[in-house]
Amino acid sequence: MNWKAVEKGVGWSKKSWCKPLKGFVEDNSNIAFEHSLEVGASENGTLAPFVKELSNQVTIGYFQCDVIKLNHNLSHFNIANESEYVDMTEINGKYDLIIAKSVLGGIFRENKSSVNDVNEFIESILERNIKQGGGDDING
């Protein structure tokens, strides 16, 4: 795992994110996925460098961001041309892994949404977009 690229991709919250990501990799050293979806990438932060090392194919779901700048930022990691981009509100397809970074607070603003709204959103994505057996290690 190229942790320098992961930290650069994560952006300002790298201290909060890299420790659990490292723990996940250490606990699952042989894990790999066929097709993964990142929910909530932005020009200010993305998990794409992390997800790309675990997956053969990556779809980057963005929410209210400058996609041109996001694509430019991902070009530094040789990911931009290898990934598909999709607006989070138009996610289709099935994925083995779905991962989100710091997006739920942006969608579900305080005093405008409830915890139930957040839970329904997560359940909806999982119901529509996780492959049967999603999350199973494709290495066997």
N, C-alpha and C. Protein backbone atom coordinates (compact mmCIF):
# COMPACT_ATOMS: atom_id res chain seq x y z
N MET A 1 0.85 -1.18 0.00
CA MET A 1 0.00 0.00 0.00
C MET A 1 0.89 1.24 0.00
N ASN A 2 0.60 2.16 -0.89
CA ASN A 2 1.34 3.41 -0.97
C ASN A 2 0.68 4.41 -0.03
N TRP A 3 1.12 4.43 1.23
CA TRP A 3 0.47 5.26 2.24
C TRP A 3 0.67 6.75 2.01
N LYS A 4 1.75 7.14 1.36
CA LYS A 4 1.93 8.57 1.04
C LYS A 4 0.86 9.05 0.07
N ALA A 5 0.54 8.21 -0.93
CA ALA A 5 -0.52 8.55 -1.89
C ALA A 5 -1.88 8.56 -1.20
N VAL A 6 -2.11 7.59 -0.32
CA VAL A 6 -3.38 7.53 0.41
C VAL A 6 -3.55 8.80 1.25
N GLU A 7 -2.51 9.17 1.99
CA GLU A 7 -2.58 10.38 2.82
C GLU A 7 -2.83 11.62 1.98
N LYS A 8 -2.15 11.73 0.86
CA LYS A 8 -2.33 12.90 -0.01
C LYS A 8 -3.76 12.92 -0.57
N GLY A 9 -4.27 11.77 -0.93
CA GLY A 9 -5.63 11.70 -1.45
C GLY A 9 -6.67 12.06 -0.41
N VAL A 10 -6.49 11.55 0.80
CA VAL A 10 -7.45 11.80 1.88
C VAL A 10 -7.53 13.29 2.20
N GLY A 11 -6.40 13.97 2.16
CA GLY A 11 -6.41 15.41 2.38
C GLY A 11 -6.35 15.79 3.84
N TRP A 12 -7.08 16.82 4.19
CA TRP A 12 -6.98 17.44 5.51
C TRP A 12 -7.28 16.48 6.66
N SER A 13 -8.05 15.44 6.45
CA SER A 13 -8.42 14.53 7.54
C SER A 13 -7.58 13.26 7.56
N LYS A 14 -6.36 13.34 7.02
CA LYS A 14 -5.53 12.13 6.89
C LYS A 14 -5.21 11.48 8.23
N LYS A 15 -5.03 12.27 9.28
CA LYS A 15 -4.72 11.67 10.59
C LYS A 15 -5.90 10.85 11.10
N SER A 16 -7.10 11.32 10.85
CA SER A 16 -8.29 10.61 11.30
C SER A 16 -8.55 9.35 10.50
N TRP A 17 -8.20 9.37 9.22
CA TRP A 17 -8.54 8.26 8.33
C TRP A 17 -7.45 7.21 8.17
N CYS A 18 -6.21 7.60 8.15
CA CYS A 18 -5.15 6.64 7.82
C CYS A 18 -4.93 5.58 8.89
N LYS A 19 -5.11 5.92 10.14
CA LYS A 19 -4.92 4.91 11.19
C LYS A 19 -5.93 3.77 11.04
N PRO A 20 -7.24 4.03 10.91
CA PRO A 20 -8.17 2.90 10.73
C PRO A 20 -7.98 2.18 9.40
N LEU A 21 -7.60 2.90 8.35
CA LEU A 21 -7.36 2.25 7.06
C LEU A 21 -6.17 1.30 7.16
N LYS A 22 -5.10 1.73 7.84
CA LYS A 22 -3.93 0.86 8.05
C LYS A 22 -4.33 -0.36 8.86
N GLY A 23 -5.14 -0.16 9.89
CA GLY A 23 -5.60 -1.28 10.69
C GLY A 23 -6.42 -2.26 9.88
N PHE A 24 -7.26 -1.75 8.99
CA PHE A 24 -8.07 -2.60 8.12
C PHE A 24 -7.18 -3.46 7.24
N VAL A 25 -6.17 -2.84 6.64
CA VAL A 25 -5.26 -3.57 5.75
C VAL A 25 -4.47 -4.61 6.54
N GLU A 26 -3.99 -4.24 7.71
CA GLU A 26 -3.23 -5.19 8.54
C GLU A 26 -4.09 -6.39 8.93
N ASP A 27 -5.36 -6.15 9.23
CA ASP A 27 -6.26 -7.23 9.63
C ASP A 27 -6.76 -8.06 8.45
N ASN A 28 -6.63 -7.53 7.24
CA ASN A 28 -7.15 -8.19 6.04
C ASN A 28 -6.09 -8.15 4.93
N SER A 29 -4.92 -8.67 5.20
CA SER A 29 -3.78 -8.50 4.31
C SER A 29 -3.98 -9.06 2.91
N ASN A 30 -4.82 -10.03 2.72
CA ASN A 30 -5.03 -10.63 1.40
C ASN A 30 -6.33 -10.19 0.73
N ILE A 31 -6.96 -9.16 1.26
CA ILE A 31 -8.27 -8.76 0.72
C ILE A 31 -8.11 -8.03 -0.61
N ALA A 32 -9.03 -8.33 -1.50
CA ALA A 32 -9.06 -7.65 -2.80
C ALA A 32 -10.50 -7.70 -3.31
N PHE A 33 -10.85 -6.75 -4.13
CA PHE A 33 -12.21 -6.64 -4.67
C PHE A 33 -12.16 -6.49 -6.18
N GLU A 34 -13.21 -6.93 -6.82
CA GLU A 34 -13.31 -6.77 -8.27
C GLU A 34 -13.69 -5.33 -8.62
N HIS A 35 -14.79 -4.82 -8.03
CA HIS A 35 -15.29 -3.49 -8.38
C HIS A 35 -15.75 -2.77 -7.12
N SER A 36 -15.17 -1.61 -6.86
CA SER A 36 -15.49 -0.84 -5.66
C SER A 36 -16.02 0.54 -6.01
N LEU A 37 -16.80 1.08 -5.08
CA LEU A 37 -17.40 2.40 -5.23
C LEU A 37 -16.99 3.26 -4.04
N GLU A 38 -16.44 4.42 -4.34
CA GLU A 38 -16.23 5.42 -3.29
C GLU A 38 -17.40 6.37 -3.35
N VAL A 39 -18.05 6.58 -2.23
CA VAL A 39 -19.17 7.51 -2.14
C VAL A 39 -18.67 8.80 -1.49
N GLY A 40 -18.80 9.90 -2.20
CA GLY A 40 -18.49 11.20 -1.62
C GLY A 40 -17.11 11.76 -1.87
N ALA A 41 -16.47 11.36 -2.95
CA ALA A 41 -15.18 11.96 -3.29
C ALA A 41 -15.39 13.43 -3.63
N SER A 42 -14.36 14.22 -3.38
CA SER A 42 -14.42 15.64 -3.76
C SER A 42 -13.03 16.10 -4.17
N GLU A 43 -12.98 17.31 -4.66
CA GLU A 43 -11.68 17.87 -5.04
C GLU A 43 -10.81 18.10 -3.82
N ASN A 44 -11.39 18.05 -2.62
CA ASN A 44 -10.64 18.26 -1.38
C ASN A 44 -10.22 16.98 -0.68
N GLY A 45 -10.73 15.85 -1.12
CA GLY A 45 -10.37 14.59 -0.49
C GLY A 45 -11.04 13.40 -1.13
N THR A 46 -10.29 12.32 -1.23
CA THR A 46 -10.80 11.10 -1.84
C THR A 46 -10.06 9.90 -1.27
N LEU A 47 -10.75 8.78 -1.22
CA LEU A 47 -10.13 7.51 -0.83
C LEU A 47 -9.69 6.71 -2.04
N ALA A 48 -9.78 7.28 -3.22
CA ALA A 48 -9.46 6.55 -4.46
C ALA A 48 -8.07 5.92 -4.45
N PRO A 49 -7.01 6.58 -3.98
CA PRO A 49 -5.70 5.90 -3.97
C PRO A 49 -5.70 4.64 -3.10
N PHE A 50 -6.46 4.65 -2.02
CA PHE A 50 -6.59 3.48 -1.16
C PHE A 50 -7.41 2.40 -1.85
N VAL A 51 -8.57 2.77 -2.35
CA VAL A 51 -9.48 1.81 -2.97
C VAL A 51 -8.86 1.18 -4.22
N LYS A 52 -8.12 1.97 -4.98
CA LYS A 52 -7.51 1.45 -6.21
C LYS A 52 -6.53 0.32 -5.92
N GLU A 53 -5.85 0.38 -4.80
CA GLU A 53 -4.90 -0.69 -4.46
C GLU A 53 -5.60 -1.97 -4.01
N LEU A 54 -6.88 -1.87 -3.66
CA LEU A 54 -7.64 -3.04 -3.23
C LEU A 54 -8.56 -3.60 -4.30
N SER A 55 -8.76 -2.85 -5.38
CA SER A 55 -9.79 -3.19 -6.36
C SER A 55 -9.27 -3.17 -7.79
N ASN A 56 -9.81 -4.06 -8.59
CA ASN A 56 -9.47 -4.07 -10.00
C ASN A 56 -10.10 -2.89 -10.74
N GLN A 57 -11.30 -2.49 -10.31
CA GLN A 57 -12.02 -1.40 -10.96
C GLN A 57 -12.61 -0.51 -9.88
N VAL A 58 -12.53 0.82 -10.08
CA VAL A 58 -13.02 1.78 -9.09
C VAL A 58 -13.97 2.75 -9.77
N THR A 59 -15.12 2.94 -9.12
CA THR A 59 -16.05 4.00 -9.52
C THR A 59 -16.01 5.05 -8.43
N ILE A 60 -15.88 6.31 -8.83
CA ILE A 60 -15.75 7.41 -7.89
C ILE A 60 -17.05 8.20 -7.90
N GLY A 61 -17.78 8.10 -6.80
CA GLY A 61 -19.03 8.83 -6.64
C GLY A 61 -18.76 10.16 -5.98
N TYR A 62 -19.07 11.23 -6.66
CA TYR A 62 -18.81 12.58 -6.13
C TYR A 62 -20.12 13.25 -5.73
N PHE A 63 -20.00 14.25 -4.89
CA PHE A 63 -21.16 15.01 -4.43
C PHE A 63 -20.79 16.48 -4.40
N GLN A 64 -21.48 17.26 -5.20
CA GLN A 64 -21.29 18.71 -5.24
C GLN A 64 -19.82 19.11 -5.23
N CYS A 65 -19.11 18.68 -6.26
CA CYS A 65 -17.70 19.05 -6.31
C CYS A 65 -17.33 19.44 -7.74
N ASP A 66 -16.15 20.01 -7.86
CA ASP A 66 -15.58 20.37 -9.14
C ASP A 66 -14.93 19.11 -9.71
N VAL A 67 -15.65 18.42 -10.60
CA VAL A 67 -15.18 17.14 -11.13
C VAL A 67 -13.90 17.31 -11.95
N ILE A 68 -13.74 18.43 -12.61
CA ILE A 68 -12.52 18.68 -13.38
C ILE A 68 -11.32 18.75 -12.45
N LYS A 69 -11.48 19.44 -11.31
CA LYS A 69 -10.39 19.52 -10.34
C LYS A 69 -10.15 18.16 -9.68
N LEU A 70 -11.23 17.44 -9.37
CA LEU A 70 -11.08 16.09 -8.81
C LEU A 70 -10.30 15.21 -9.77
N ASN A 71 -10.66 15.23 -11.04
CA ASN A 71 -9.96 14.44 -12.06
C ASN A 71 -8.49 14.86 -12.14
N HIS A 72 -8.23 16.15 -12.10
CA HIS A 72 -6.85 16.64 -12.12
C HIS A 72 -6.07 16.12 -10.91
N ASN A 73 -6.69 16.20 -9.72
CA ASN A 73 -6.02 15.71 -8.51
C ASN A 73 -5.73 14.22 -8.61
N LEU A 74 -6.66 13.46 -9.16
CA LEU A 74 -6.46 12.01 -9.28
C LEU A 74 -5.42 11.66 -10.34
N SER A 75 -5.16 12.57 -11.27
CA SER A 75 -4.15 12.31 -12.29
C SER A 75 -2.76 12.19 -11.66
N HIS A 76 -2.56 12.78 -10.49
CA HIS A 76 -1.28 12.67 -9.78
C HIS A 76 -1.03 11.25 -9.26
N PHE A 77 -2.10 10.48 -9.16
CA PHE A 77 -2.00 9.11 -8.65
C PHE A 77 -2.17 8.07 -9.76
N ASN A 78 -2.22 8.53 -11.01
CA ASN A 78 -2.45 7.64 -12.15
C ASN A 78 -3.77 6.88 -12.01
N ILE A 79 -4.77 7.56 -11.49
CA ILE A 79 -6.08 6.94 -11.29
C ILE A 79 -7.13 7.55 -12.21
N ALA A 80 -6.97 8.80 -12.58
CA ALA A 80 -8.02 9.54 -13.28
C ALA A 80 -8.55 8.80 -14.50
N ASN A 81 -7.67 8.30 -15.34
CA ASN A 81 -8.11 7.66 -16.58
C ASN A 81 -8.53 6.21 -16.39
N GLU A 82 -8.29 5.66 -15.20
CA GLU A 82 -8.62 4.26 -14.92
C GLU A 82 -9.94 4.12 -14.18
N SER A 83 -10.57 5.22 -13.82
CA SER A 83 -11.77 5.18 -12.99
C SER A 83 -12.96 5.77 -13.71
N GLU A 84 -14.13 5.33 -13.28
CA GLU A 84 -15.39 5.88 -13.77
C GLU A 84 -15.89 6.86 -12.72
N TYR A 85 -16.50 7.95 -13.16
CA TYR A 85 -17.05 8.95 -12.25
C TYR A 85 -18.56 8.93 -12.35
N VAL A 86 -19.23 9.10 -11.20
CA VAL A 86 -20.68 9.13 -11.18
C VAL A 86 -21.14 10.09 -10.09
N ASP A 87 -22.16 10.89 -10.40
CA ASP A 87 -22.78 11.74 -9.39
C ASP A 87 -23.43 10.82 -8.36
N MET A 88 -23.23 11.11 -7.09
CA MET A 88 -23.76 10.25 -6.03
C MET A 88 -25.26 10.07 -6.11
N THR A 89 -25.95 11.04 -6.68
CA THR A 89 -27.40 10.93 -6.78
C THR A 89 -27.84 10.02 -7.92
N GLU A 90 -26.88 9.55 -8.72
CA GLU A 90 -27.21 8.72 -9.88
C GLU A 90 -26.42 7.41 -9.88
N ILE A 91 -26.13 6.88 -8.71
CA ILE A 91 -25.35 5.65 -8.62
C ILE A 91 -26.18 4.47 -9.11
N ASN A 92 -25.63 3.75 -10.06
CA ASN A 92 -26.21 2.51 -10.56
C ASN A 92 -25.11 1.47 -10.55
N GLY A 93 -25.49 0.24 -10.69
CA GLY A 93 -24.49 -0.81 -10.74
C GLY A 93 -24.33 -1.50 -9.41
N LYS A 94 -23.57 -2.57 -9.44
CA LYS A 94 -23.34 -3.39 -8.25
C LYS A 94 -21.84 -3.41 -7.96
N TYR A 95 -21.51 -3.36 -6.68
CA TYR A 95 -20.12 -3.25 -6.25
C TYR A 95 -19.83 -4.25 -5.14
N ASP A 96 -18.58 -4.69 -5.07
CA ASP A 96 -18.13 -5.59 -4.01
C ASP A 96 -17.85 -4.82 -2.72
N LEU A 97 -17.37 -3.59 -2.86
CA LEU A 97 -17.04 -2.74 -1.73
C LEU A 97 -17.62 -1.36 -1.98
N ILE A 98 -18.28 -0.81 -0.97
CA ILE A 98 -18.76 0.57 -1.02
C ILE A 98 -18.18 1.26 0.21
N ILE A 99 -17.45 2.35 -0.03
CA ILE A 99 -16.78 3.06 1.06
C ILE A 99 -17.10 4.55 0.95
N ALA A 100 -17.35 5.17 2.09
CA ALA A 100 -17.69 6.60 2.12
C ALA A 100 -16.76 7.32 3.08
N LYS A 101 -16.37 8.52 2.70
CA LYS A 101 -15.50 9.35 3.54
C LYS A 101 -16.13 10.73 3.72
N SER A 102 -16.53 11.02 4.93
CA SER A 102 -16.92 12.39 5.32
C SER A 102 -17.99 13.02 4.42
N VAL A 103 -18.92 12.24 3.92
CA VAL A 103 -19.92 12.80 3.03
C VAL A 103 -21.29 12.92 3.68
N LEU A 104 -21.59 12.07 4.63
CA LEU A 104 -22.94 12.05 5.20
C LEU A 104 -23.29 13.38 5.87
N GLY A 105 -22.33 14.01 6.52
CA GLY A 105 -22.58 15.32 7.14
C GLY A 105 -22.86 16.40 6.12
N GLY A 106 -22.29 16.26 4.93
CA GLY A 106 -22.54 17.24 3.87
C GLY A 106 -23.92 17.09 3.26
N ILE A 107 -24.39 15.87 3.18
CA ILE A 107 -25.71 15.62 2.59
C ILE A 107 -26.80 15.89 3.62
N PHE A 108 -26.60 15.40 4.81
CA PHE A 108 -27.62 15.46 5.85
C PHE A 108 -27.25 16.52 6.88
N ARG A 109 -27.55 17.74 6.54
CA ARG A 109 -27.19 18.88 7.39
C ARG A 109 -27.95 18.85 8.70
N GLU A 110 -27.28 19.34 9.73
CA GLU A 110 -27.89 19.45 11.06
C GLU A 110 -29.17 20.28 10.97
N ASN A 111 -30.18 19.88 11.68
CA ASN A 111 -31.49 20.53 11.75
C ASN A 111 -32.29 20.42 10.46
N LYS A 112 -31.77 19.74 9.45
CA LYS A 112 -32.52 19.55 8.21
C LYS A 112 -32.79 18.08 7.96
N SER A 113 -32.13 17.21 8.69
CA SER A 113 -32.25 15.77 8.50
C SER A 113 -32.18 15.08 9.86
N SER A 114 -32.64 13.85 9.86
CA SER A 114 -32.58 13.06 11.09
C SER A 114 -31.60 11.91 10.92
N VAL A 115 -31.26 11.27 12.03
CA VAL A 115 -30.42 10.08 11.97
C VAL A 115 -31.12 9.01 11.14
N ASN A 116 -32.44 8.96 11.22
CA ASN A 116 -33.20 8.01 10.42
C ASN A 116 -32.99 8.26 8.91
N ASP A 117 -32.93 9.53 8.50
CA ASP A 117 -32.67 9.85 7.09
C ASP A 117 -31.32 9.30 6.65
N VAL A 118 -30.31 9.43 7.49
CA VAL A 118 -28.97 8.92 7.20
C VAL A 118 -29.02 7.41 7.07
N ASN A 119 -29.65 6.74 8.03
CA ASN A 119 -29.74 5.28 7.99
C ASN A 119 -30.47 4.78 6.76
N GLU A 120 -31.56 5.46 6.38
CA GLU A 120 -32.30 5.07 5.18
C GLU A 120 -31.44 5.23 3.92
N PHE A 121 -30.65 6.29 3.87
CA PHE A 121 -29.76 6.51 2.73
C PHE A 121 -28.74 5.38 2.61
N ILE A 122 -28.12 5.03 3.72
CA ILE A 122 -27.12 3.96 3.72
C ILE A 122 -27.76 2.64 3.33
N GLU A 123 -28.90 2.32 3.92
CA GLU A 123 -29.60 1.08 3.59
C GLU A 123 -29.99 1.03 2.11
N SER A 124 -30.41 2.17 1.57
CA SER A 124 -30.80 2.23 0.16
C SER A 124 -29.62 1.93 -0.77
N ILE A 125 -28.46 2.54 -0.48
CA ILE A 125 -27.27 2.28 -1.30
C ILE A 125 -26.88 0.81 -1.21
N LEU A 126 -26.87 0.27 -0.01
CA LEU A 126 -26.49 -1.13 0.15
C LEU A 126 -27.48 -2.06 -0.56
N GLU A 127 -28.76 -1.77 -0.42
CA GLU A 127 -29.78 -2.61 -1.06
C GLU A 127 -29.68 -2.58 -2.59
N ARG A 128 -29.47 -1.40 -3.14
CA ARG A 128 -29.43 -1.25 -4.60
C ARG A 128 -28.08 -1.58 -5.22
N ASN A 129 -26.99 -1.36 -4.46
CA ASN A 129 -25.68 -1.33 -5.11
C ASN A 129 -24.64 -2.31 -4.62
N ILE A 130 -24.87 -3.01 -3.54
CA ILE A 130 -23.86 -3.99 -3.11
C ILE A 130 -24.16 -5.31 -3.81
N LYS A 131 -23.13 -5.93 -4.33
CA LYS A 131 -23.30 -7.25 -4.98
C LYS A 131 -23.68 -8.29 -3.94
N GLN A 132 -24.45 -9.28 -4.38
CA GLN A 132 -24.73 -10.42 -3.52
C GLN A 132 -23.38 -10.99 -3.09
N GLY A 133 -23.18 -11.14 -1.81
CA GLY A 133 -21.88 -11.60 -1.32
C GLY A 133 -20.84 -10.50 -1.33
N GLY A 134 -21.26 -9.26 -1.59
CA GLY A 134 -20.34 -8.13 -1.62
C GLY A 134 -19.52 -8.07 -0.36
N GLY A 135 -18.28 -7.76 -0.52
CA GLY A 135 -17.38 -7.72 0.62
C GLY A 135 -16.62 -9.02 0.79
N ASP A 136 -17.09 -10.09 0.11
CA ASP A 136 -16.35 -11.34 0.18
C ASP A 136 -15.02 -11.14 -0.53
N ASP A 137 -14.00 -11.68 0.02
CA ASP A 137 -12.65 -11.59 -0.56
C ASP A 137 -12.62 -12.34 -1.89
N ILE A 138 -12.31 -11.65 -3.00
CA ILE A 138 -12.31 -12.31 -4.31
C ILE A 138 -11.12 -13.25 -4.46
N ASN A 139 -10.21 -13.20 -3.51
CA ASN A 139 -9.06 -14.11 -3.57
C ASN A 139 -9.41 -15.49 -3.01
N GLY A 140 -10.61 -15.66 -2.55
CA GLY A 140 -11.01 -16.98 -2.09
C GLY A 140 -11.34 -17.03 -0.67
